Amino acid sequence: MDSSLLEHSDERLIKAVLAGDDEAFAQLVTRYKRRVFGLAARFARDHDELEDISQEVFIKAFENLGKFRHTAPFEHWLTRITVRVCYDALRSRRHEKHHRALDDLAYEIRDRAAEARSESRELRELLAWAMARLKPDERLVITLMELEEKTVRETADLTGWSEANVKVRAHRARQALKKILEASDAR
C-alpha cells in the first residue's frame, strides 16, 4: 500500500478513535502490532514482558492520541512511544535488579550469619565439652591465656606460678586439648 494512502487511512482512523470509535483503534493496533512487537522484542527478556511492553505502548498511544499533531506519520509517533516504553522497562528492570540484588545480598548475609551463629554455637559446645575433660590446672591456664588473652606474666601473677611454670603448663594444656579434640574427630 502507498505510504501516503496509509497516512490518510491512519488520519481517518485517528479521527474516528477521537470521535469515540473503539473499533478504529483496534484497526490501528492490528496495523502496527507487528511493528511494535518487532521493536519491543529487542528489549524484552521473554514473551510475557514483550506482551506487557506492547500493551503499555498501545495504552499510551490511546491515552495520548489527542496529542498527536500529524506533523509526522503516525507510525513514527508510535515508534517514539515504543522506544520510551522500552527504555522505561529497561530502567525499571535495572531498578528491580538492584533491589533484587540487595534483597539477595540481605538474605545471603542473614543466612551466613545464621550459619556462623550455628557454627559458633557448635564450636562453643565442642570447646566446653573438651575443656571439661582437661585437668583443673590445664583448664585454668587455657582459660586465662587463650580465652581471656592474658599474658604469661599476667597469668603468673593471677595463679602464683612462675612464668616458666606458666609456659610449661600452657604448652601441656594445649597438647592435652589438642588430643581431646582429635579424639572427638576420630569418632
C-alpha atoms as a PDB file:
ATOM      1  CA  MET A   1       0.000   0.000   0.000  1.00  0.00           C
ATOM      2  CA  ASP A   2       1.240   3.509  -0.827  1.00  0.00           C
ATOM      3  CA  SER A   3       2.550   5.262   2.319  1.00  0.00           C
ATOM      4  CA  SER A   4       0.554   8.449   1.560  1.00  0.00           C
ATOM      5  CA  LEU A   5      -2.623   6.369   1.384  1.00  0.00           C
ATOM      6  CA  LEU A   6      -1.642   4.678   4.660  1.00  0.00           C
ATOM      7  CA  GLU A   7      -1.113   8.082   6.291  1.00  0.00           C
ATOM      8  CA  HIS A   8      -4.530   9.240   5.080  1.00  0.00           C
ATOM      9  CA  SER A   9      -6.003   5.988   6.280  1.00  0.00           C
ATOM     10  CA  ASP A  10      -4.259   6.472   9.668  1.00  0.00           C
ATOM     11  CA  GLU A  11      -5.625  10.033   9.880  1.00  0.00           C
ATOM     12  CA  ARG A  12      -9.125   8.777   9.152  1.00  0.00           C
ATOM     13  CA  LEU A  13      -8.803   6.063  11.846  1.00  0.00           C
ATOM     14  CA  ILE A  14      -7.359   8.537  14.385  1.00  0.00           C
ATOM     15  CA  LYS A  15     -10.271  10.939  13.799  1.00  0.00           C
ATOM     16  CA  ALA A  16     -12.674   8.041  14.270  1.00  0.00           C
ATOM     17  CA  VAL A  17     -10.953   6.990  17.522  1.00  0.00           C
ATOM     18  CA  LEU A  18     -11.093  10.561  18.831  1.00  0.00           C
ATOM     19  CA  ALA A  19     -14.791  10.581  17.965  1.00  0.00           C
ATOM     20  CA  GLY A  20     -15.252   7.501  20.179  1.00  0.00           C
ATOM     21  CA  ASP A  21     -14.911   4.639  17.701  1.00  0.00           C
ATOM     22  CA  ASP A  22     -13.006   1.904  19.588  1.00  0.00           C
ATOM     23  CA  GLU A  23     -13.087  -0.355  16.533  1.00  0.00           C
ATOM     24  CA  ALA A  24     -10.969   2.213  14.677  1.00  0.00           C
ATOM     25  CA  PHE A  25      -8.284   1.939  17.369  1.00  0.00           C
ATOM     26  CA  ALA A  26      -8.416  -1.853  17.103  1.00  0.00           C
ATOM     27  CA  GLN A  27      -7.643  -1.423  13.394  1.00  0.00           C
ATOM     28  CA  LEU A  28      -4.620   0.767  14.249  1.00  0.00           C
ATOM     29  CA  VAL A  29      -3.432  -1.885  16.712  1.00  0.00           C
ATOM     30  CA  THR A  30      -3.820  -4.608  14.091  1.00  0.00           C
ATOM     31  CA  ARG A  31      -1.968  -2.495  11.542  1.00  0.00           C
ATOM     32  CA  TYR A  32       1.015  -1.651  13.821  1.00  0.00           C
ATOM     33  CA  LYS A  33       1.130  -4.571  16.233  1.00  0.00           C
ATOM     34  CA  ARG A  34       3.838  -6.360  14.239  1.00  0.00           C
ATOM     35  CA  ARG A  35       5.978  -3.178  14.125  1.00  0.00           C
ATOM     36  CA  VAL A  36       5.609  -2.557  17.889  1.00  0.00           C
ATOM     37  CA  PHE A  37       6.275  -6.227  18.719  1.00  0.00           C
ATOM     38  CA  GLY A  38       9.340  -6.280  16.462  1.00  0.00           C
ATOM     39  CA  LEU A  39      10.889  -3.256  18.148  1.00  0.00           C
ATOM     40  CA  ALA A  40       9.908  -4.270  21.678  1.00  0.00           C
ATOM     41  CA  ALA A  41      11.275  -7.793  21.128  1.00  0.00           C
ATOM     42  CA  ARG A  42      14.768  -6.296  21.005  1.00  0.00           C
ATOM     43  CA  PHE A  43      14.347  -5.130  24.602  1.00  0.00           C
ATOM     44  CA  ALA A  44      12.092  -7.722  26.249  1.00  0.00           C
ATOM     45  CA  ARG A  45      13.523 -10.642  28.231  1.00  0.00           C
ATOM     46  CA  ASP A  46      10.701 -13.029  27.439  1.00  0.00           C
ATOM     47  CA  HIS A  47       7.318 -13.313  25.755  1.00  0.00           C
ATOM     48  CA  ASP A  48       5.406 -12.128  28.832  1.00  0.00           C
ATOM     49  CA  GLU A  49       7.478  -8.975  29.064  1.00  0.00           C
ATOM     50  CA  LEU A  50       7.058  -8.446  25.318  1.00  0.00           C
ATOM     51  CA  GLU A  51       3.285  -8.647  25.740  1.00  0.00           C
ATOM     52  CA  ASP A  52       3.408  -6.210  28.669  1.00  0.00           C
ATOM     53  CA  ILE A  53       5.543  -3.687  26.792  1.00  0.00           C
ATOM     54  CA  SER A  54       3.370  -3.878  23.688  1.00  0.00           C
ATOM     55  CA  GLN A  55       0.210  -3.469  25.701  1.00  0.00           C
ATOM     56  CA  GLU A  56       1.716  -0.482  27.507  1.00  0.00           C
ATOM     57  CA  VAL A  57       2.642   1.082  24.146  1.00  0.00           C
ATOM     58  CA  PHE A  58      -0.902   0.842  22.820  1.00  0.00           C
ATOM     59  CA  ILE A  59      -2.408   2.073  26.087  1.00  0.00           C
ATOM     60  CA  LYS A  60      -0.138   5.141  26.000  1.00  0.00           C
ATOM     61  CA  ALA A  61      -0.929   5.674  22.328  1.00  0.00           C
ATOM     62  CA  PHE A  62      -4.663   5.506  23.031  1.00  0.00           C
ATOM     63  CA  GLU A  63      -4.424   7.820  26.063  1.00  0.00           C
ATOM     64  CA  ASN A  64      -2.279  10.368  24.162  1.00  0.00           C
ATOM     65  CA  LEU A  65      -3.872  10.125  20.740  1.00  0.00           C
ATOM     66  CA  GLY A  66      -5.387  13.592  21.170  1.00  0.00           C
ATOM     67  CA  LYS A  67      -1.818  14.971  21.406  1.00  0.00           C
ATOM     68  CA  PHE A  68      -0.807  13.501  18.032  1.00  0.00           C
ATOM     69  CA  ARG A  69      -0.038  16.546  15.841  1.00  0.00           C
ATOM     70  CA  HIS A  70       0.021  14.915  12.377  1.00  0.00           C
ATOM     71  CA  THR A  71       3.403  16.598  11.673  1.00  0.00           C
ATOM     72  CA  ALA A  72       4.971  13.175  11.149  1.00  0.00           C
ATOM     73  CA  PRO A  73       3.427   9.837  10.198  1.00  0.00           C
ATOM     74  CA  PHE A  74       1.504   8.044  12.936  1.00  0.00           C
ATOM     75  CA  GLU A  75       3.959   5.153  12.674  1.00  0.00           C
ATOM     76  CA  HIS A  76       6.870   7.447  13.712  1.00  0.00           C
ATOM     77  CA  TRP A  77       4.879   8.802  16.644  1.00  0.00           C
ATOM     78  CA  LEU A  78       4.006   5.255  17.728  1.00  0.00           C
ATOM     79  CA  THR A  79       7.649   4.208  17.332  1.00  0.00           C
ATOM     80  CA  ARG A  80       8.751   7.031  19.664  1.00  0.00           C
ATOM     81  CA  ILE A  81       6.220   5.828  22.247  1.00  0.00           C
ATOM     82  CA  THR A  82       7.506   2.262  21.839  1.00  0.00           C
ATOM     83  CA  VAL A  83      11.098   3.363  22.377  1.00  0.00           C
ATOM     84  CA  ARG A  84      10.155   5.334  25.515  1.00  0.00           C
ATOM     85  CA  VAL A  85       8.172   2.416  26.956  1.00  0.00           C
ATOM     86  CA  CYS A  86      11.074   0.034  26.221  1.00  0.00           C
ATOM     87  CA  TYR A  87      13.520   2.445  27.845  1.00  0.00           C
ATOM     88  CA  ASP A  88      11.272   2.715  30.913  1.00  0.00           C
ATOM     89  CA  ALA A  89      11.087  -1.094  31.057  1.00  0.00           C
ATOM     90  CA  LEU A  90      14.882  -1.325  30.921  1.00  0.00           C
ATOM     91  CA  ARG A  91      15.273   1.273  33.672  1.00  0.00           C
ATOM     92  CA  SER A  92      12.644  -0.476  35.760  1.00  0.00           C
ATOM     93  CA  ARG A  93      14.379  -3.819  35.233  1.00  0.00           C
ATOM     94  CA  ARG A  94      17.712  -2.326  36.326  1.00  0.00           C
ATOM     95  CA  HIS A  95      15.995  -0.878  39.394  1.00  0.00           C
ATOM     96  CA  GLU A  96      14.416  -4.278  40.100  1.00  0.00           C
ATOM     97  CA  LYS A  97      17.785  -5.991  39.656  1.00  0.00           C
ATOM     98  CA  HIS A  98      19.345  -3.531  42.064  1.00  0.00           C
ATOM     99  CA  HIS A  99      16.629  -4.190  44.644  1.00  0.00           C
ATOM    100  CA  ARG A 100      16.685  -7.915  43.911  1.00  0.00           C
ATOM    101  CA  ALA A 101      20.460  -7.895  44.277  1.00  0.00           C
ATOM    102  CA  LEU A 102      20.152  -6.032  47.573  1.00  0.00           C
ATOM    103  CA  ASP A 103      17.432  -8.425  48.737  1.00  0.00           C
ATOM    104  CA  ASP A 104      19.532 -11.410  47.669  1.00  0.00           C
ATOM    105  CA  LEU A 105      22.533  -9.933  49.464  1.00  0.00           C
ATOM    106  CA  ALA A 106      20.472  -9.330  52.597  1.00  0.00           C
ATOM    107  CA  TYR A 107      19.202 -12.941  52.511  1.00  0.00           C
ATOM    108  CA  GLU A 108      22.709 -14.236  51.914  1.00  0.00           C
ATOM    109  CA  ILE A 109      24.098 -12.182  54.817  1.00  0.00           C
ATOM    110  CA  ARG A 110      21.255 -13.366  57.033  1.00  0.00           C
ATOM    111  CA  ASP A 111      21.855 -16.996  56.040  1.00  0.00           C
ATOM    112  CA  ARG A 112      25.601 -16.715  56.534  1.00  0.00           C
ATOM    113  CA  ALA A 113      25.100 -15.029  59.897  1.00  0.00           C
ATOM    114  CA  ALA A 114      22.744 -17.834  60.944  1.00  0.00           C
ATOM    115  CA  GLU A 115      25.303 -20.386  59.734  1.00  0.00           C
ATOM    116  CA  ALA A 116      28.073 -18.602  61.609  1.00  0.00           C
ATOM    117  CA  ARG A 117      25.956 -18.445  64.779  1.00  0.00           C
ATOM    118  CA  SER A 118      25.207 -22.139  64.431  1.00  0.00           C
ATOM    119  CA  GLU A 119      28.860 -22.997  63.822  1.00  0.00           C
ATOM    120  CA  SER A 120      29.893 -20.690  66.628  1.00  0.00           C
ATOM    121  CA  ARG A 121      27.415 -22.383  68.980  1.00  0.00           C
ATOM    122  CA  GLU A 122      28.677 -25.822  67.896  1.00  0.00           C
ATOM    123  CA  LEU A 123      32.284 -24.739  68.413  1.00  0.00           C
ATOM    124  CA  ARG A 124      31.479 -23.299  71.857  1.00  0.00           C
ATOM    125  CA  GLU A 125      29.761 -26.557  72.775  1.00  0.00           C
ATOM    126  CA  LEU A 126      32.723 -28.568  71.483  1.00  0.00           C
ATOM    127  CA  LEU A 127      35.164 -26.349  73.375  1.00  0.00           C
ATOM    128  CA  ALA A 128      33.110 -26.608  76.582  1.00  0.00           C
ATOM    129  CA  TRP A 129      32.982 -30.395  76.160  1.00  0.00           C
ATOM    130  CA  ALA A 130      36.760 -30.581  75.584  1.00  0.00           C
ATOM    131  CA  MET A 131      37.572 -28.149  78.405  1.00  0.00           C
ATOM    132  CA  ALA A 132      35.502 -30.268  80.805  1.00  0.00           C
ATOM    133  CA  ARG A 133      37.879 -33.164  80.071  1.00  0.00           C
ATOM    134  CA  LEU A 134      41.022 -31.210  80.992  1.00  0.00           C
ATOM    135  CA  LYS A 135      42.655 -31.329  84.417  1.00  0.00           C
ATOM    136  CA  PRO A 136      41.787 -28.291  86.558  1.00  0.00           C
ATOM    137  CA  ASP A 137      45.212 -26.617  86.150  1.00  0.00           C
ATOM    138  CA  GLU A 138      45.099 -27.190  82.361  1.00  0.00           C
ATOM    139  CA  ARG A 139      41.609 -25.704  82.169  1.00  0.00           C
ATOM    140  CA  LEU A 140      42.735 -22.706  84.237  1.00  0.00           C
ATOM    141  CA  VAL A 141      45.787 -21.918  82.113  1.00  0.00           C
ATOM    142  CA  ILE A 142      43.839 -22.363  78.828  1.00  0.00           C
ATOM    143  CA  THR A 143      41.027 -20.145  80.104  1.00  0.00           C
ATOM    144  CA  LEU A 144      43.375 -17.380  81.237  1.00  0.00           C
ATOM    145  CA  MET A 145      45.780 -17.395  78.295  1.00  0.00           C
ATOM    146  CA  GLU A 146      43.599 -18.408  75.355  1.00  0.00           C
ATOM    147  CA  LEU A 147      40.086 -17.350  76.212  1.00  0.00           C
ATOM    148  CA  GLU A 148      40.801 -14.268  78.293  1.00  0.00           C
ATOM    149  CA  GLU A 149      44.006 -13.497  76.360  1.00  0.00           C
ATOM    150  CA  LYS A 150      46.163 -12.896  79.440  1.00  0.00           C
ATOM    151  CA  THR A 151      49.930 -12.700  79.025  1.00  0.00           C
ATOM    152  CA  VAL A 152      52.321 -15.159  80.622  1.00  0.00           C
ATOM    153  CA  ARG A 153      53.197 -12.529  83.248  1.00  0.00           C
ATOM    154  CA  GLU A 154      49.517 -11.767  83.998  1.00  0.00           C
ATOM    155  CA  THR A 155      48.751 -15.490  84.259  1.00  0.00           C
ATOM    156  CA  ALA A 156      51.724 -15.980  86.607  1.00  0.00           C
ATOM    157  CA  ASP A 157      50.536 -13.086  88.794  1.00  0.00           C
ATOM    158  CA  LEU A 158      46.994 -14.451  88.910  1.00  0.00           C
ATOM    159  CA  THR A 159      47.962 -18.075  89.635  1.00  0.00           C
ATOM    160  CA  GLY A 160      51.077 -17.565  91.735  1.00  0.00           C
ATOM    161  CA  TRP A 161      53.053 -19.818  89.382  1.00  0.00           C
ATOM    162  CA  SER A 162      56.381 -18.759  87.951  1.00  0.00           C
ATOM    163  CA  GLU A 163      56.425 -17.538  84.345  1.00  0.00           C
ATOM    164  CA  ALA A 164      58.431 -20.617  83.329  1.00  0.00           C
ATOM    165  CA  ASN A 165      55.853 -22.847  85.031  1.00  0.00           C
ATOM    166  CA  VAL A 166      53.007 -20.997  83.227  1.00  0.00           C
ATOM    167  CA  LYS A 167      54.717 -21.599  79.857  1.00  0.00           C
ATOM    168  CA  VAL A 168      55.202 -25.307  80.574  1.00  0.00           C
ATOM    169  CA  ARG A 169      51.627 -25.757  81.849  1.00  0.00           C
ATOM    170  CA  ALA A 170      50.208 -23.807  78.883  1.00  0.00           C
ATOM    171  CA  HIS A 171      52.152 -25.996  76.442  1.00  0.00           C
ATOM    172  CA  ARG A 172      50.982 -29.199  78.125  1.00  0.00           C
ATOM    173  CA  ALA A 173      47.381 -27.941  78.368  1.00  0.00           C
ATOM    174  CA  ARG A 174      47.325 -27.078  74.652  1.00  0.00           C
ATOM    175  CA  GLN A 175      48.674 -30.539  73.823  1.00  0.00           C
ATOM    176  CA  ALA A 176      46.059 -32.193  76.047  1.00  0.00           C
ATOM    177  CA  LEU A 177      43.276 -30.103  74.479  1.00  0.00           C
ATOM    178  CA  LYS A 178      44.531 -30.961  71.008  1.00  0.00           C
ATOM    179  CA  LYS A 179      44.445 -34.712  71.812  1.00  0.00           C
ATOM    180  CA  ILE A 180      40.913 -34.442  73.179  1.00  0.00           C
ATOM    181  CA  LEU A 181      39.725 -32.583  70.074  1.00  0.00           C
ATOM    182  CA  GLU A 182      41.456 -35.007  67.706  1.00  0.00           C
ATOM    183  CA  ALA A 183      39.891 -37.931  69.568  1.00  0.00           C
ATOM    184  CA  SER A 184      36.434 -36.316  69.146  1.00  0.00           C
ATOM    185  CA  ASP A 185      37.055 -36.013  65.359  1.00  0.00           C
ATOM    186  CA  ALA A 186      38.013 -39.684  65.171  1.00  0.00           C
ATOM    187  CA  ARG A 187      34.549 -40.705  66.378  1.00  0.00           C
END
